[in-house]
Each structure stands twice: as structure tokens, then as C-alpha cells.
Amino acid sequence: MQDYDSIIRFQEGDFDAFGELYERYIDQIYAFVFRKTSDRAVAEDVTSQVWIKAMKGLRKFSRKQ
């Protein structure tokens, strides 16, 4: 529920809520990408792209009940 609440707050304009998601998952995403690429620069670039896409995608996110 914590992620969902952060997403809803972000959609309502609370950019700190996106920061909470970022802090919660940045290390896991970076580690995954680094394991796949074995290249620090590429992993950093791809991780940044993931977060940009997440920000755009979360604006449209809706939870199907």
C-alpha cells in the first residue's frame, strides 16, 4: 500500500512522493541494470531513463479494482 499511496500523492502534485519511490527502488534498479550490462556508465544512463519513464508513466497510472 505504501507505493500506491506515494503514487497517488505524486499524481496529486506532491513531488516528494516520487522522491520516496526513487529512494526506495534506486539501488535495486541500478544493481539489476549493472548486472545485465557490467558497465557503470551504461547502468547509470539506463537507470536514469527508467526513472524518467516512471515519472511519465505514473502520471497515467490507475489501479484497477
PDB file of N, CA and C in Angstrom:
ATOM      1  N   MET A   1       0.812  -1.192   0.000  1.00  0.00           N
ATOM      2  CA  MET A   1       0.000   0.000   0.000  1.00  0.00           C
ATOM      3  C   MET A   1       0.861   1.263   0.000  1.00  0.00           C
ATOM      4  N   GLN A   2       2.039   1.191   0.576  1.00  0.00           N
ATOM      5  CA  GLN A   2       2.896   2.365   0.679  1.00  0.00           C
ATOM      6  C   GLN A   2       3.249   2.916  -0.701  1.00  0.00           C
ATOM      7  N   ASP A   3       3.576   2.054  -1.656  1.00  0.00           N
ATOM      8  CA  ASP A   3       3.887   2.511  -3.008  1.00  0.00           C
ATOM      9  C   ASP A   3       2.664   3.157  -3.643  1.00  0.00           C
ATOM     10  N   TYR A   4       1.529   2.531  -3.508  1.00  0.00           N
ATOM     11  CA  TYR A   4       0.300   3.066  -4.093  1.00  0.00           C
ATOM     12  C   TYR A   4      -0.003   4.449  -3.527  1.00  0.00           C
ATOM     13  N   ASP A   5       0.143   4.595  -2.222  1.00  0.00           N
ATOM     14  CA  ASP A   5      -0.106   5.898  -1.598  1.00  0.00           C
ATOM     15  C   ASP A   5       0.860   6.951  -2.136  1.00  0.00           C
ATOM     16  N   SER A   6       2.108   6.583  -2.319  1.00  0.00           N
ATOM     17  CA  SER A   6       3.090   7.514  -2.871  1.00  0.00           C
ATOM     18  C   SER A   6       2.726   7.902  -4.305  1.00  0.00           C
ATOM     19  N   ILE A   7       2.258   6.945  -5.071  1.00  0.00           N
ATOM     20  CA  ILE A   7       1.865   7.217  -6.455  1.00  0.00           C
ATOM     21  C   ILE A   7       0.691   8.194  -6.488  1.00  0.00           C
ATOM     22  N   ILE A   8      -0.297   7.970  -5.666  1.00  0.00           N
ATOM     23  CA  ILE A   8      -1.465   8.853  -5.627  1.00  0.00           C
ATOM     24  C   ILE A   8      -1.046  10.262  -5.220  1.00  0.00           C
ATOM     25  N   ARG A   9      -0.192  10.366  -4.214  1.00  0.00           N
ATOM     26  CA  ARG A   9       0.277  11.687  -3.785  1.00  0.00           C
ATOM     27  C   ARG A   9       1.050  12.376  -4.899  1.00  0.00           C
ATOM     28  N   PHE A  10       1.869  11.627  -5.624  1.00  0.00           N
ATOM     29  CA  PHE A  10       2.616  12.194  -6.753  1.00  0.00           C
ATOM     30  C   PHE A  10       1.649  12.704  -7.818  1.00  0.00           C
ATOM     31  N   GLN A  11       0.624  11.923  -8.116  1.00  0.00           N
ATOM     32  CA  GLN A  11      -0.359  12.333  -9.111  1.00  0.00           C
ATOM     33  C   GLN A  11      -1.098  13.603  -8.686  1.00  0.00           C
ATOM     34  N   GLU A  12      -1.181  13.807  -7.405  1.00  0.00           N
ATOM     35  CA  GLU A  12      -1.854  15.000  -6.872  1.00  0.00           C
ATOM     36  C   GLU A  12      -0.910  16.192  -6.774  1.00  0.00           C
ATOM     37  N   GLY A  13       0.347  16.006  -7.237  1.00  0.00           N
ATOM     38  CA  GLY A  13       1.284  17.118  -7.278  1.00  0.00           C
ATOM     39  C   GLY A  13       2.363  17.122  -6.215  1.00  0.00           C
ATOM     40  N   ASP A  14       2.424  16.098  -5.394  1.00  0.00           N
ATOM     41  CA  ASP A  14       3.433  16.010  -4.334  1.00  0.00           C
ATOM     42  C   ASP A  14       4.684  15.335  -4.899  1.00  0.00           C
ATOM     43  N   PHE A  15       5.655  16.142  -5.342  1.00  0.00           N
ATOM     44  CA  PHE A  15       6.852  15.585  -5.956  1.00  0.00           C
ATOM     45  C   PHE A  15       7.754  14.875  -4.952  1.00  0.00           C
ATOM     46  N   ASP A  16       7.592  15.173  -3.671  1.00  0.00           N
ATOM     47  CA  ASP A  16       8.337  14.444  -2.651  1.00  0.00           C
ATOM     48  C   ASP A  16       7.934  12.970  -2.632  1.00  0.00           C
ATOM     49  N   ALA A  17       6.703  12.687  -3.001  1.00  0.00           N
ATOM     50  CA  ALA A  17       6.218  11.308  -3.044  1.00  0.00           C
ATOM     51  C   ALA A  17       6.975  10.515  -4.106  1.00  0.00           C
ATOM     52  N   PHE A  18       7.278  11.156  -5.247  1.00  0.00           N
ATOM     53  CA  PHE A  18       8.090  10.477  -6.259  1.00  0.00           C
ATOM     54  C   PHE A  18       9.489  10.237  -5.714  1.00  0.00           C
ATOM     55  N   GLY A  19      10.002  11.182  -4.963  1.00  0.00           N
ATOM     56  CA  GLY A  19      11.314  11.019  -4.324  1.00  0.00           C
ATOM     57  C   GLY A  19      11.344   9.829  -3.383  1.00  0.00           C
ATOM     58  N   GLU A  20      10.246   9.595  -2.700  1.00  0.00           N
ATOM     59  CA  GLU A  20      10.163   8.430  -1.811  1.00  0.00           C
ATOM     60  C   GLU A  20      10.286   7.131  -2.617  1.00  0.00           C
ATOM     61  N   LEU A  21       9.591   7.070  -3.746  1.00  0.00           N
ATOM     62  CA  LEU A  21       9.687   5.883  -4.604  1.00  0.00           C
ATOM     63  C   LEU A  21      11.108   5.725  -5.132  1.00  0.00           C
ATOM     64  N   TYR A  22      11.687   6.841  -5.552  1.00  0.00           N
ATOM     65  CA  TYR A  22      13.053   6.834  -6.063  1.00  0.00           C
ATOM     66  C   TYR A  22      14.012   6.271  -5.022  1.00  0.00           C
ATOM     67  N   GLU A  23      13.946   6.803  -3.811  1.00  0.00           N
ATOM     68  CA  GLU A  23      14.836   6.335  -2.738  1.00  0.00           C
ATOM     69  C   GLU A  23      14.604   4.860  -2.405  1.00  0.00           C
ATOM     70  N   ARG A  24      13.374   4.430  -2.500  1.00  0.00           N
ATOM     71  CA  ARG A  24      13.034   3.050  -2.161  1.00  0.00           C
ATOM     72  C   ARG A  24      13.596   2.063  -3.181  1.00  0.00           C
ATOM     73  N   TYR A  25      13.664   2.461  -4.459  1.00  0.00           N
ATOM     74  CA  TYR A  25      13.997   1.497  -5.507  1.00  0.00           C
ATOM     75  C   TYR A  25      15.258   1.787  -6.318  1.00  0.00           C
ATOM     76  N   ILE A  26      15.899   2.925  -6.138  1.00  0.00           N
ATOM     77  CA  ILE A  26      17.042   3.283  -6.974  1.00  0.00           C
ATOM     78  C   ILE A  26      18.153   2.237  -6.912  1.00  0.00           C
ATOM     79  N   ASP A  27      18.500   1.780  -5.742  1.00  0.00           N
ATOM     80  CA  ASP A  27      19.601   0.815  -5.612  1.00  0.00           C
ATOM     81  C   ASP A  27      19.273  -0.507  -6.292  1.00  0.00           C
ATOM     82  N   GLN A  28      18.054  -0.964  -6.156  1.00  0.00           N
ATOM     83  CA  GLN A  28      17.655  -2.232  -6.765  1.00  0.00           C
ATOM     84  C   GLN A  28      17.663  -2.135  -8.289  1.00  0.00           C
ATOM     85  N   ILE A  29      17.168  -1.042  -8.809  1.00  0.00           N
ATOM     86  CA  ILE A  29      17.130  -0.879 -10.262  1.00  0.00           C
ATOM     87  C   ILE A  29      18.537  -0.763 -10.818  1.00  0.00           C
ATOM     88  N   TYR A  30      19.366   0.075 -10.173  1.00  0.00           N
ATOM     89  CA  TYR A  30      20.745   0.228 -10.631  1.00  0.00           C
ATOM     90  C   TYR A  30      21.474  -1.121 -10.589  1.00  0.00           C
ATOM     91  N   ALA A  31      21.328  -1.861  -9.508  1.00  0.00           N
ATOM     92  CA  ALA A  31      22.012  -3.152  -9.377  1.00  0.00           C
ATOM     93  C   ALA A  31      21.577  -4.128 -10.465  1.00  0.00           C
ATOM     94  N   PHE A  32      20.291  -4.143 -10.760  1.00  0.00           N
ATOM     95  CA  PHE A  32      19.782  -5.026 -11.808  1.00  0.00           C
ATOM     96  C   PHE A  32      20.396  -4.666 -13.158  1.00  0.00           C
ATOM     97  N   VAL A  33      20.360  -3.377 -13.488  1.00  0.00           N
ATOM     98  CA  VAL A  33      20.891  -2.933 -14.780  1.00  0.00           C
ATOM     99  C   VAL A  33      22.399  -3.191 -14.842  1.00  0.00           C
ATOM    100  N   PHE A  34      23.103  -2.926 -13.762  1.00  0.00           N
ATOM    101  CA  PHE A  34      24.554  -3.150 -13.756  1.00  0.00           C
ATOM    102  C   PHE A  34      24.887  -4.630 -13.954  1.00  0.00           C
ATOM    103  N   ARG A  35      24.121  -5.511 -13.320  1.00  0.00           N
ATOM    104  CA  ARG A  35      24.343  -6.956 -13.510  1.00  0.00           C
ATOM    105  C   ARG A  35      24.155  -7.349 -14.967  1.00  0.00           C
ATOM    106  N   LYS A  36      23.217  -6.718 -15.637  1.00  0.00           N
ATOM    107  CA  LYS A  36      22.943  -7.045 -17.039  1.00  0.00           C
ATOM    108  C   LYS A  36      23.969  -6.442 -17.995  1.00  0.00           C
ATOM    109  N   THR A  37      24.528  -5.273 -17.647  1.00  0.00           N
ATOM    110  CA  THR A  37      25.414  -4.575 -18.573  1.00  0.00           C
ATOM    111  C   THR A  37      26.890  -4.664 -18.206  1.00  0.00           C
ATOM    112  N   SER A  38      27.192  -4.823 -16.938  1.00  0.00           N
ATOM    113  CA  SER A  38      28.571  -4.812 -16.422  1.00  0.00           C
ATOM    114  C   SER A  38      29.313  -3.530 -16.796  1.00  0.00           C
ATOM    115  N   ASP A  39      28.598  -2.449 -16.977  1.00  0.00           N
ATOM    116  CA  ASP A  39      29.187  -1.173 -17.350  1.00  0.00           C
ATOM    117  C   ASP A  39      28.547  -0.075 -16.508  1.00  0.00           C
ATOM    118  N   ARG A  40      29.354   0.556 -15.673  1.00  0.00           N
ATOM    119  CA  ARG A  40      28.842   1.541 -14.727  1.00  0.00           C
ATOM    120  C   ARG A  40      28.146   2.706 -15.438  1.00  0.00           C
ATOM    121  N   ALA A  41      28.772   3.253 -16.466  1.00  0.00           N
ATOM    122  CA  ALA A  41      28.193   4.404 -17.174  1.00  0.00           C
ATOM    123  C   ALA A  41      26.867   4.039 -17.837  1.00  0.00           C
ATOM    124  N   VAL A  42      26.832   2.883 -18.471  1.00  0.00           N
ATOM    125  CA  VAL A  42      25.597   2.429 -19.115  1.00  0.00           C
ATOM    126  C   VAL A  42      24.517   2.201 -18.060  1.00  0.00           C
ATOM    127  N   ALA A  43      24.885   1.582 -16.957  1.00  0.00           N
ATOM    128  CA  ALA A  43      23.917   1.321 -15.892  1.00  0.00           C
ATOM    129  C   ALA A  43      23.349   2.620 -15.340  1.00  0.00           C
ATOM    130  N   GLU A  44      24.187   3.635 -15.184  1.00  0.00           N
ATOM    131  CA  GLU A  44      23.705   4.929 -14.699  1.00  0.00           C
ATOM    132  C   GLU A  44      22.755   5.573 -15.706  1.00  0.00           C
ATOM    133  N   ASP A  45      23.104   5.520 -16.982  1.00  0.00           N
ATOM    134  CA  ASP A  45      22.249   6.099 -18.021  1.00  0.00           C
ATOM    135  C   ASP A  45      20.905   5.384 -18.106  1.00  0.00           C
ATOM    136  N   VAL A  46      20.951   4.071 -18.111  1.00  0.00           N
ATOM    137  CA  VAL A  46      19.708   3.297 -18.222  1.00  0.00           C
ATOM    138  C   VAL A  46      18.837   3.521 -16.982  1.00  0.00           C
ATOM    139  N   THR A  47      19.460   3.556 -15.820  1.00  0.00           N
ATOM    140  CA  THR A  47      18.703   3.788 -14.588  1.00  0.00           C
ATOM    141  C   THR A  47      18.030   5.155 -14.627  1.00  0.00           C
ATOM    142  N   SER A  48      18.714   6.157 -15.131  1.00  0.00           N
ATOM    143  CA  SER A  48      18.109   7.488 -15.271  1.00  0.00           C
ATOM    144  C   SER A  48      16.919   7.440 -16.215  1.00  0.00           C
ATOM    145  N   GLN A  49      17.070   6.731 -17.312  1.00  0.00           N
ATOM    146  CA  GLN A  49      15.977   6.608 -18.282  1.00  0.00           C
ATOM    147  C   GLN A  49      14.772   5.902 -17.666  1.00  0.00           C
ATOM    148  N   VAL A  50      15.038   4.893 -16.845  1.00  0.00           N
ATOM    149  CA  VAL A  50      13.950   4.183 -16.164  1.00  0.00           C
ATOM    150  C   VAL A  50      13.144   5.160 -15.317  1.00  0.00           C
ATOM    151  N   TRP A  51      13.825   6.030 -14.572  1.00  0.00           N
ATOM    152  CA  TRP A  51      13.129   6.958 -13.692  1.00  0.00           C
ATOM    153  C   TRP A  51      12.369   8.030 -14.462  1.00  0.00           C
ATOM    154  N   ILE A  52      12.918   8.461 -15.578  1.00  0.00           N
ATOM    155  CA  ILE A  52      12.195   9.424 -16.409  1.00  0.00           C
ATOM    156  C   ILE A  52      10.908   8.794 -16.936  1.00  0.00           C
ATOM    157  N   LYS A  53      11.014   7.560 -17.417  1.00  0.00           N
ATOM    158  CA  LYS A  53       9.826   6.865 -17.924  1.00  0.00           C
ATOM    159  C   LYS A  53       8.839   6.577 -16.797  1.00  0.00           C
ATOM    160  N   ALA A  54       9.355   6.256 -15.623  1.00  0.00           N
ATOM    161  CA  ALA A  54       8.472   6.005 -14.477  1.00  0.00           C
ATOM    162  C   ALA A  54       7.684   7.259 -14.134  1.00  0.00           C
ATOM    163  N   MET A  55       8.359   8.396 -14.128  1.00  0.00           N
ATOM    164  CA  MET A  55       7.673   9.642 -13.797  1.00  0.00           C
ATOM    165  C   MET A  55       6.551   9.923 -14.791  1.00  0.00           C
ATOM    166  N   LYS A  56       6.833   9.732 -16.065  1.00  0.00           N
ATOM    167  CA  LYS A  56       5.813   9.956 -17.087  1.00  0.00           C
ATOM    168  C   LYS A  56       4.674   8.943 -16.963  1.00  0.00           C
ATOM    169  N   GLY A  57       5.030   7.690 -16.742  1.00  0.00           N
ATOM    170  CA  GLY A  57       4.033   6.632 -16.662  1.00  0.00           C
ATOM    171  C   GLY A  57       3.159   6.716 -15.428  1.00  0.00           C
ATOM    172  N   LEU A  58       3.742   7.138 -14.318  1.00  0.00           N
ATOM    173  CA  LEU A  58       2.964   7.208 -13.081  1.00  0.00           C
ATOM    174  C   LEU A  58       1.898   8.288 -13.128  1.00  0.00           C
ATOM    175  N   ARG A  59       2.073   9.258 -13.979  1.00  0.00           N
ATOM    176  CA  ARG A  59       1.043  10.295 -14.123  1.00  0.00           C
ATOM    177  C   ARG A  59      -0.254   9.695 -14.653  1.00  0.00           C
ATOM    178  N   LYS A  60      -0.148   8.603 -15.420  1.00  0.00           N
ATOM    179  CA  LYS A  60      -1.327   7.969 -16.035  1.00  0.00           C
ATOM    180  C   LYS A  60      -1.772   6.711 -15.288  1.00  0.00           C
ATOM    181  N   PHE A  61      -1.003   6.293 -14.300  1.00  0.00           N
ATOM    182  CA  PHE A  61      -1.286   5.060 -13.581  1.00  0.00           C
ATOM    183  C   PHE A  61      -2.639   5.111 -12.900  1.00  0.00           C
ATOM    184  N   SER A  62      -3.382   4.014 -13.025  1.00  0.00           N
ATOM    185  CA  SER A  62      -4.606   3.875 -12.227  1.00  0.00           C
ATOM    186  C   SER A  62      -4.696   2.417 -11.800  1.00  0.00           C
ATOM    187  N   ARG A  63      -5.152   2.244 -10.609  1.00  0.00           N
ATOM    188  CA  ARG A  63      -5.260   0.906 -10.036  1.00  0.00           C
ATOM    189  C   ARG A  63      -6.622   0.348 -10.377  1.00  0.00           C
ATOM    190  N   LYS A  64      -6.637  -0.767 -11.080  1.00  0.00           N
ATOM    191  CA  LYS A  64      -7.897  -1.432 -11.425  1.00  0.00           C
ATOM    192  C   LYS A  64      -8.399  -2.163 -10.190  1.00  0.00           C
ATOM    193  N   GLN A  65      -9.620  -1.924  -9.831  1.00  0.00           N
ATOM    194  CA  GLN A  65     -10.183  -2.539  -8.625  1.00  0.00           C
ATOM    195  C   GLN A  65     -10.922  -3.798  -8.960  1.00  0.00           C
TER     196      GLN A  65
END
